[in-house]
Amino acid sequence: MDACKVIIADDHALFRQGIKRIINDTQSFRVIGEACDGLKLLELLKNTSADMVILDISMPNFGGIEATKEIKRIHPHLKVVILTMHTKIEYLRQAISAGADGYILKEDTDEELIHALNKVKRDQMHISHALFTEMENDFVRVQKYGQWQTEDDILTIREKQILKLIAEGKKNKTIASLLFISIRTVENHRAKIMRKLRFKNLADLINYAIKKGYINSH
């Protein structure tokens, strides 16, 4: 049986070379092309006969989600596997909605990558094992509310108020005074916000607040 022909799209050349070596070490897959962004990938697909595309979400010019939509529109037979560093469930939802057949994390093992490619080759979807727990939580939210929740939906009105005040640089004591609640309550809300949005530090929270329009960047 002929090897499955693969194209890799990622803006980091060293990373592409590493994935290429892993894939070409198998007998089932063979890398026949590389692209550094989504636009070059689409151009490459015009003149290359491929069976599968492996691409990152964060690429210049044309991102992975947009490229996936375009690939599935023009080449519906092509298998598309997202290989990314993004662990937030929102990216997974966008990828699946765009038509991706697999979603793998760059932190996953070489063995899981090849396992995923084999599943996708057999017309099965593969999602990184690292995202299983979050997927289960997401499924529960779907069953409870009838639809996927956005990050904004996950936060309560009170949590959004506190998020804004934290991003503005106000201390817990000041926030408690402004909202007529205890400092302990502010601390509990703050912890819930960080956990719900999967933030690791204050910088993540501030960047999110700017992106969502809670505060201005100037």
C-alpha atoms as a PDB file:
ATOM      1  CA  MET A   1       0.000   0.000   0.000  1.00  0.00           C
ATOM      2  CA  ASP A   2       1.304   3.450  -0.912  1.00  0.00           C
ATOM      3  CA  ALA A   3       2.312   5.775   1.919  1.00  0.00           C
ATOM      4  CA  CYS A   4      -0.084   8.573   2.867  1.00  0.00           C
ATOM      5  CA  LYS A   5       1.267  11.812   1.363  1.00  0.00           C
ATOM      6  CA  VAL A   6       1.561  14.602   3.947  1.00  0.00           C
ATOM      7  CA  ILE A   7       2.172  18.351   3.820  1.00  0.00           C
ATOM      8  CA  ILE A   8       3.344  20.189   6.963  1.00  0.00           C
ATOM      9  CA  ALA A   9       2.527  23.868   7.559  1.00  0.00           C
ATOM     10  CA  ASP A  10       4.200  25.696  10.460  1.00  0.00           C
ATOM     11  CA  ASP A  11       6.109  28.978  10.635  1.00  0.00           C
ATOM     12  CA  HIS A  12       9.039  27.407  12.516  1.00  0.00           C
ATOM     13  CA  ALA A  13      11.429  25.644  10.136  1.00  0.00           C
ATOM     14  CA  LEU A  14      13.193  23.616  12.840  1.00  0.00           C
ATOM     15  CA  PHE A  15       9.863  22.337  14.122  1.00  0.00           C
ATOM     16  CA  ARG A  16       8.809  21.326  10.591  1.00  0.00           C
ATOM     17  CA  GLN A  17      12.060  19.430  10.155  1.00  0.00           C
ATOM     18  CA  GLY A  18      11.532  17.583  13.431  1.00  0.00           C
ATOM     19  CA  ILE A  19       7.991  16.519  12.540  1.00  0.00           C
ATOM     20  CA  LYS A  20       9.153  15.569   9.058  1.00  0.00           C
ATOM     21  CA  ARG A  21      11.767  13.196  10.484  1.00  0.00           C
ATOM     22  CA  ILE A  22       9.227  11.578  12.820  1.00  0.00           C
ATOM     23  CA  ILE A  23       6.737  11.035  10.002  1.00  0.00           C
ATOM     24  CA  ASN A  24       9.267   9.819   7.416  1.00  0.00           C
ATOM     25  CA  ASP A  25      10.565   7.246   9.911  1.00  0.00           C
ATOM     26  CA  THR A  26       7.258   5.410   9.450  1.00  0.00           C
ATOM     27  CA  GLN A  27       6.292   3.315   6.450  1.00  0.00           C
ATOM     28  CA  SER A  28       2.709   4.585   6.395  1.00  0.00           C
ATOM     29  CA  PHE A  29       3.371   8.305   5.834  1.00  0.00           C
ATOM     30  CA  ARG A  30       5.651  10.424   3.681  1.00  0.00           C
ATOM     31  CA  VAL A  31       6.126  14.212   3.791  1.00  0.00           C
ATOM     32  CA  ILE A  32       5.937  15.628   0.260  1.00  0.00           C
ATOM     33  CA  GLY A  33       5.844  19.348   1.010  1.00  0.00           C
ATOM     34  CA  GLU A  34       6.230  22.129   3.582  1.00  0.00           C
ATOM     35  CA  ALA A  35       4.767  25.613   4.010  1.00  0.00           C
ATOM     36  CA  CYS A  36       5.571  28.424   6.447  1.00  0.00           C
ATOM     37  CA  ASP A  37       2.079  29.970   6.517  1.00  0.00           C
ATOM     38  CA  GLY A  38      -1.514  29.371   5.460  1.00  0.00           C
ATOM     39  CA  LEU A  39      -1.323  31.251   2.160  1.00  0.00           C
ATOM     40  CA  LYS A  40       1.744  29.334   0.981  1.00  0.00           C
ATOM     41  CA  LEU A  41       0.012  26.117   2.045  1.00  0.00           C
ATOM     42  CA  LEU A  42      -2.998  26.855  -0.148  1.00  0.00           C
ATOM     43  CA  GLU A  43      -0.706  27.704  -3.059  1.00  0.00           C
ATOM     44  CA  LEU A  44       1.197  24.456  -2.538  1.00  0.00           C
ATOM     45  CA  LEU A  45      -2.018  22.438  -2.564  1.00  0.00           C
ATOM     46  CA  LYS A  46      -2.872  23.765  -6.031  1.00  0.00           C
ATOM     47  CA  ASN A  47       0.047  21.890  -7.554  1.00  0.00           C
ATOM     48  CA  THR A  48       0.626  19.032  -5.122  1.00  0.00           C
ATOM     49  CA  SER A  49      -1.300  15.798  -4.701  1.00  0.00           C
ATOM     50  CA  ALA A  50      -1.554  15.291  -0.942  1.00  0.00           C
ATOM     51  CA  ASP A  51      -3.706  13.058   1.253  1.00  0.00           C
ATOM     52  CA  MET A  52      -3.240  14.859   4.567  1.00  0.00           C
ATOM     53  CA  VAL A  53      -2.226  18.273   5.894  1.00  0.00           C
ATOM     54  CA  ILE A  54      -0.710  18.913   9.318  1.00  0.00           C
ATOM     55  CA  LEU A  55      -0.859  22.585  10.285  1.00  0.00           C
ATOM     56  CA  ASP A  56      -0.461  24.940  13.209  1.00  0.00           C
ATOM     57  CA  ILE A  57      -3.158  27.378  14.347  1.00  0.00           C
ATOM     58  CA  SER A  58      -0.866  30.375  14.862  1.00  0.00           C
ATOM     59  CA  MET A  59       0.740  31.199  11.524  1.00  0.00           C
ATOM     60  CA  PRO A  60       1.368  34.533   9.772  1.00  0.00           C
ATOM     61  CA  ASN A  61      -0.743  35.764   6.845  1.00  0.00           C
ATOM     62  CA  PHE A  62      -3.412  33.072   7.117  1.00  0.00           C
ATOM     63  CA  GLY A  63      -4.022  31.183  10.361  1.00  0.00           C
ATOM     64  CA  GLY A  64      -4.684  27.483  10.751  1.00  0.00           C
ATOM     65  CA  ILE A  65      -8.412  27.745  11.460  1.00  0.00           C
ATOM     66  CA  GLU A  66      -9.045  29.887   8.378  1.00  0.00           C
ATOM     67  CA  ALA A  67      -6.785  27.654   6.286  1.00  0.00           C
ATOM     68  CA  THR A  68      -8.687  24.558   7.447  1.00  0.00           C
ATOM     69  CA  LYS A  69     -11.999  26.062   6.336  1.00  0.00           C
ATOM     70  CA  GLU A  70     -10.550  26.911   2.931  1.00  0.00           C
ATOM     71  CA  ILE A  71      -8.918  23.512   2.506  1.00  0.00           C
ATOM     72  CA  LYS A  72     -12.158  21.696   3.291  1.00  0.00           C
ATOM     73  CA  ARG A  73     -14.030  23.949   0.863  1.00  0.00           C
ATOM     74  CA  ILE A  74     -11.623  23.426  -2.035  1.00  0.00           C
ATOM     75  CA  HIS A  75     -10.274  19.946  -1.207  1.00  0.00           C
ATOM     76  CA  PRO A  76     -12.977  18.192   0.858  1.00  0.00           C
ATOM     77  CA  HIS A  77     -11.209  14.831   0.526  1.00  0.00           C
ATOM     78  CA  LEU A  78      -8.061  16.100   2.294  1.00  0.00           C
ATOM     79  CA  LYS A  79      -7.540  15.089   5.910  1.00  0.00           C
ATOM     80  CA  VAL A  80      -6.581  18.006   8.159  1.00  0.00           C
ATOM     81  CA  VAL A  81      -4.762  17.582  11.473  1.00  0.00           C
ATOM     82  CA  ILE A  82      -4.149  20.575  13.741  1.00  0.00           C
ATOM     83  CA  LEU A  83      -0.798  20.401  15.565  1.00  0.00           C
ATOM     84  CA  THR A  84      -0.611  23.283  18.016  1.00  0.00           C
ATOM     85  CA  MET A  85       0.482  24.604  21.403  1.00  0.00           C
ATOM     86  CA  HIS A  86      -3.025  25.937  22.155  1.00  0.00           C
ATOM     87  CA  THR A  87      -4.669  23.960  24.951  1.00  0.00           C
ATOM     88  CA  LYS A  88      -7.799  26.067  25.428  1.00  0.00           C
ATOM     89  CA  ILE A  89     -10.993  24.249  24.530  1.00  0.00           C
ATOM     90  CA  GLU A  90     -12.179  27.239  22.483  1.00  0.00           C
ATOM     91  CA  TYR A  91      -9.456  26.564  19.899  1.00  0.00           C
ATOM     92  CA  LEU A  92     -10.473  22.915  19.730  1.00  0.00           C
ATOM     93  CA  ARG A  93     -14.092  23.901  19.131  1.00  0.00           C
ATOM     94  CA  GLN A  94     -13.080  26.288  16.356  1.00  0.00           C
ATOM     95  CA  ALA A  95     -10.891  23.641  14.732  1.00  0.00           C
ATOM     96  CA  ILE A  96     -13.638  21.021  14.744  1.00  0.00           C
ATOM     97  CA  SER A  97     -16.174  23.531  13.434  1.00  0.00           C
ATOM     98  CA  ALA A  98     -13.746  24.412  10.629  1.00  0.00           C
ATOM     99  CA  GLY A  99     -13.603  20.750   9.618  1.00  0.00           C
ATOM    100  CA  ALA A 100     -10.389  19.475  11.245  1.00  0.00           C
ATOM    101  CA  ASP A 101     -10.085  15.694  11.477  1.00  0.00           C
ATOM    102  CA  GLY A 102      -7.609  15.722  14.353  1.00  0.00           C
ATOM    103  CA  TYR A 103      -6.276  18.015  17.084  1.00  0.00           C
ATOM    104  CA  ILE A 104      -2.847  17.286  18.569  1.00  0.00           C
ATOM    105  CA  LEU A 105      -0.729  19.299  20.985  1.00  0.00           C
ATOM    106  CA  LYS A 106       2.939  20.021  20.397  1.00  0.00           C
ATOM    107  CA  GLU A 107       3.590  18.767  23.907  1.00  0.00           C
ATOM    108  CA  ASP A 108       2.211  15.317  23.010  1.00  0.00           C
ATOM    109  CA  THR A 109       4.549  12.374  22.397  1.00  0.00           C
ATOM    110  CA  ASP A 110       5.788  11.225  19.000  1.00  0.00           C
ATOM    111  CA  GLU A 111       3.819   8.029  19.527  1.00  0.00           C
ATOM    112  CA  GLU A 112       0.538   9.889  20.012  1.00  0.00           C
ATOM    113  CA  LEU A 113       1.179  11.939  16.879  1.00  0.00           C
ATOM    114  CA  ILE A 114       1.630   8.815  14.731  1.00  0.00           C
ATOM    115  CA  HIS A 115      -1.332   7.160  16.447  1.00  0.00           C
ATOM    116  CA  ALA A 116      -3.431  10.209  15.629  1.00  0.00           C
ATOM    117  CA  LEU A 117      -2.345  10.251  11.989  1.00  0.00           C
ATOM    118  CA  ASN A 118      -3.212   6.579  11.625  1.00  0.00           C
ATOM    119  CA  LYS A 119      -6.668   7.162  13.096  1.00  0.00           C
ATOM    120  CA  VAL A 120      -7.334  10.124  10.830  1.00  0.00           C
ATOM    121  CA  LYS A 121      -6.109   8.096   7.854  1.00  0.00           C
ATOM    122  CA  ARG A 122      -8.809   5.511   8.731  1.00  0.00           C
ATOM    123  CA  ASP A 123     -11.483   8.249   8.728  1.00  0.00           C
ATOM    124  CA  GLN A 124     -11.553   8.467  12.538  1.00  0.00           C
ATOM    125  CA  MET A 125     -11.161  11.673  14.539  1.00  0.00           C
ATOM    126  CA  HIS A 126      -8.425  11.989  17.125  1.00  0.00           C
ATOM    127  CA  ILE A 127      -8.275  14.550  19.946  1.00  0.00           C
ATOM    128  CA  SER A 128      -5.205  14.931  22.153  1.00  0.00           C
ATOM    129  CA  HIS A 129      -5.505  12.879  25.321  1.00  0.00           C
ATOM    130  CA  ALA A 130      -4.396  15.953  27.285  1.00  0.00           C
ATOM    131  CA  LEU A 131      -7.720  17.625  26.419  1.00  0.00           C
ATOM    132  CA  PHE A 132     -10.028  14.761  27.418  1.00  0.00           C
ATOM    133  CA  THR A 133     -10.949  16.178  30.837  1.00  0.00           C
ATOM    134  CA  GLU A 134     -11.718  19.604  29.431  1.00  0.00           C
ATOM    135  CA  MET A 135     -13.755  17.978  26.650  1.00  0.00           C
ATOM    136  CA  GLU A 136     -15.810  16.108  29.247  1.00  0.00           C
ATOM    137  CA  ASN A 137     -16.471  19.364  31.115  1.00  0.00           C
ATOM    138  CA  ASP A 138     -17.444  20.993  27.848  1.00  0.00           C
ATOM    139  CA  PHE A 139     -19.840  18.145  27.073  1.00  0.00           C
ATOM    140  CA  VAL A 140     -21.508  18.623  30.458  1.00  0.00           C
ATOM    141  CA  ARG A 141     -21.990  22.334  29.686  1.00  0.00           C
ATOM    142  CA  VAL A 142     -23.522  21.433  26.335  1.00  0.00           C
ATOM    143  CA  GLN A 143     -25.965  19.059  28.005  1.00  0.00           C
ATOM    144  CA  LYS A 144     -26.858  21.617  30.679  1.00  0.00           C
ATOM    145  CA  TYR A 145     -27.211  24.733  28.525  1.00  0.00           C
ATOM    146  CA  GLY A 146     -27.997  23.211  25.128  1.00  0.00           C
ATOM    147  CA  GLN A 147     -24.990  24.801  23.430  1.00  0.00           C
ATOM    148  CA  TRP A 148     -21.288  25.420  23.806  1.00  0.00           C
ATOM    149  CA  GLN A 149     -20.430  28.284  26.096  1.00  0.00           C
ATOM    150  CA  THR A 150     -17.939  30.943  25.181  1.00  0.00           C
ATOM    151  CA  GLU A 151     -15.410  32.113  27.751  1.00  0.00           C
ATOM    152  CA  ASP A 152     -17.621  35.132  28.416  1.00  0.00           C
ATOM    153  CA  ASP A 153     -20.598  32.852  29.124  1.00  0.00           C
ATOM    154  CA  ILE A 154     -18.554  30.910  31.666  1.00  0.00           C
ATOM    155  CA  LEU A 155     -18.010  34.004  33.807  1.00  0.00           C
ATOM    156  CA  THR A 156     -20.798  35.287  36.027  1.00  0.00           C
ATOM    157  CA  ILE A 157     -21.761  38.973  36.021  1.00  0.00           C
ATOM    158  CA  ARG A 158     -19.980  39.441  39.348  1.00  0.00           C
ATOM    159  CA  GLU A 159     -16.843  37.726  38.037  1.00  0.00           C
ATOM    160  CA  LYS A 160     -16.826  40.019  35.006  1.00  0.00           C
ATOM    161  CA  GLN A 161     -17.073  43.050  37.327  1.00  0.00           C
ATOM    162  CA  ILE A 162     -14.151  41.814  39.389  1.00  0.00           C
ATOM    163  CA  LEU A 163     -12.151  40.905  36.281  1.00  0.00           C
ATOM    164  CA  LYS A 164     -12.477  44.491  35.040  1.00  0.00           C
ATOM    165  CA  LEU A 165     -11.433  45.995  38.355  1.00  0.00           C
ATOM    166  CA  ILE A 166      -8.461  43.647  38.729  1.00  0.00           C
ATOM    167  CA  ALA A 167      -7.319  44.485  35.189  1.00  0.00           C
ATOM    168  CA  GLU A 168      -7.564  48.193  36.051  1.00  0.00           C
ATOM    169  CA  GLY A 169      -5.007  47.583  38.786  1.00  0.00           C
ATOM    170  CA  LYS A 170      -7.312  47.833  41.807  1.00  0.00           C
ATOM    171  CA  LYS A 171      -6.348  45.882  44.919  1.00  0.00           C
ATOM    172  CA  ASN A 172      -8.606  43.310  46.576  1.00  0.00           C
ATOM    173  CA  LYS A 173      -9.420  45.684  49.437  1.00  0.00           C
ATOM    174  CA  THR A 174     -10.509  48.438  47.029  1.00  0.00           C
ATOM    175  CA  ILE A 175     -12.592  46.004  44.969  1.00  0.00           C
ATOM    176  CA  ALA A 176     -14.294  44.735  48.100  1.00  0.00           C
ATOM    177  CA  SER A 177     -15.157  48.293  49.119  1.00  0.00           C
ATOM    178  CA  LEU A 178     -16.491  49.228  45.671  1.00  0.00           C
ATOM    179  CA  LEU A 179     -18.698  46.132  45.407  1.00  0.00           C
ATOM    180  CA  PHE A 180     -19.697  45.997  49.093  1.00  0.00           C
ATOM    181  CA  ILE A 181     -18.356  42.484  49.573  1.00  0.00           C
ATOM    182  CA  SER A 182     -15.645  40.996  51.767  1.00  0.00           C
ATOM    183  CA  ILE A 183     -12.003  40.731  50.761  1.00  0.00           C
ATOM    184  CA  ARG A 184     -12.280  36.945  51.115  1.00  0.00           C
ATOM    185  CA  THR A 185     -15.133  36.923  48.592  1.00  0.00           C
ATOM    186  CA  VAL A 186     -13.025  38.936  46.154  1.00  0.00           C
ATOM    187  CA  GLU A 187     -10.170  36.441  46.586  1.00  0.00           C
ATOM    188  CA  ASN A 188     -12.532  33.520  45.942  1.00  0.00           C
ATOM    189  CA  HIS A 189     -13.920  35.162  42.791  1.00  0.00           C
ATOM    190  CA  ARG A 190     -10.410  35.951  41.602  1.00  0.00           C
ATOM    191  CA  ALA A 191      -9.357  32.326  42.013  1.00  0.00           C
ATOM    192  CA  LYS A 192     -12.449  31.132  40.105  1.00  0.00           C
ATOM    193  CA  ILE A 193     -11.758  33.535  37.236  1.00  0.00           C
ATOM    194  CA  MET A 194      -8.180  32.322  36.905  1.00  0.00           C
ATOM    195  CA  ARG A 195      -9.312  28.701  37.034  1.00  0.00           C
ATOM    196  CA  LYS A 196     -12.217  29.082  34.582  1.00  0.00           C
ATOM    197  CA  LEU A 197     -10.117  30.930  32.000  1.00  0.00           C
ATOM    198  CA  ARG A 198      -7.063  28.765  32.705  1.00  0.00           C
ATOM    199  CA  PHE A 199      -4.805  31.745  33.352  1.00  0.00           C
ATOM    200  CA  LYS A 200      -1.448  31.312  35.070  1.00  0.00           C
ATOM    201  CA  ASN A 201      -0.683  34.909  35.990  1.00  0.00           C
ATOM    202  CA  LEU A 202      -1.963  38.489  36.120  1.00  0.00           C
ATOM    203  CA  ALA A 203      -0.462  39.328  32.713  1.00  0.00           C
ATOM    204  CA  ASP A 204      -2.722  36.721  31.078  1.00  0.00           C
ATOM    205  CA  LEU A 205      -5.734  38.258  32.793  1.00  0.00           C
ATOM    206  CA  ILE A 206      -4.865  41.814  31.730  1.00  0.00           C
ATOM    207  CA  ASN A 207      -4.253  40.774  28.116  1.00  0.00           C
ATOM    208  CA  TYR A 208      -7.607  39.009  28.084  1.00  0.00           C
ATOM    209  CA  ALA A 209      -9.362  42.055  29.567  1.00  0.00           C
ATOM    210  CA  ILE A 210      -7.869  44.295  26.863  1.00  0.00           C
ATOM    211  CA  LYS A 211      -8.786  41.846  24.108  1.00  0.00           C
ATOM    212  CA  LYS A 212     -12.385  41.609  25.325  1.00  0.00           C
ATOM    213  CA  GLY A 213     -12.748  45.378  25.753  1.00  0.00           C
ATOM    214  CA  TYR A 214     -13.009  45.463  29.547  1.00  0.00           C
ATOM    215  CA  ILE A 215     -10.218  48.048  29.647  1.00  0.00           C
ATOM    216  CA  ASN A 216      -8.295  50.122  27.125  1.00  0.00           C
ATOM    217  CA  SER A 217      -4.722  49.307  26.187  1.00  0.00           C
ATOM    218  CA  HIS A 218      -3.711  52.999  26.242  1.00  0.00           C
END
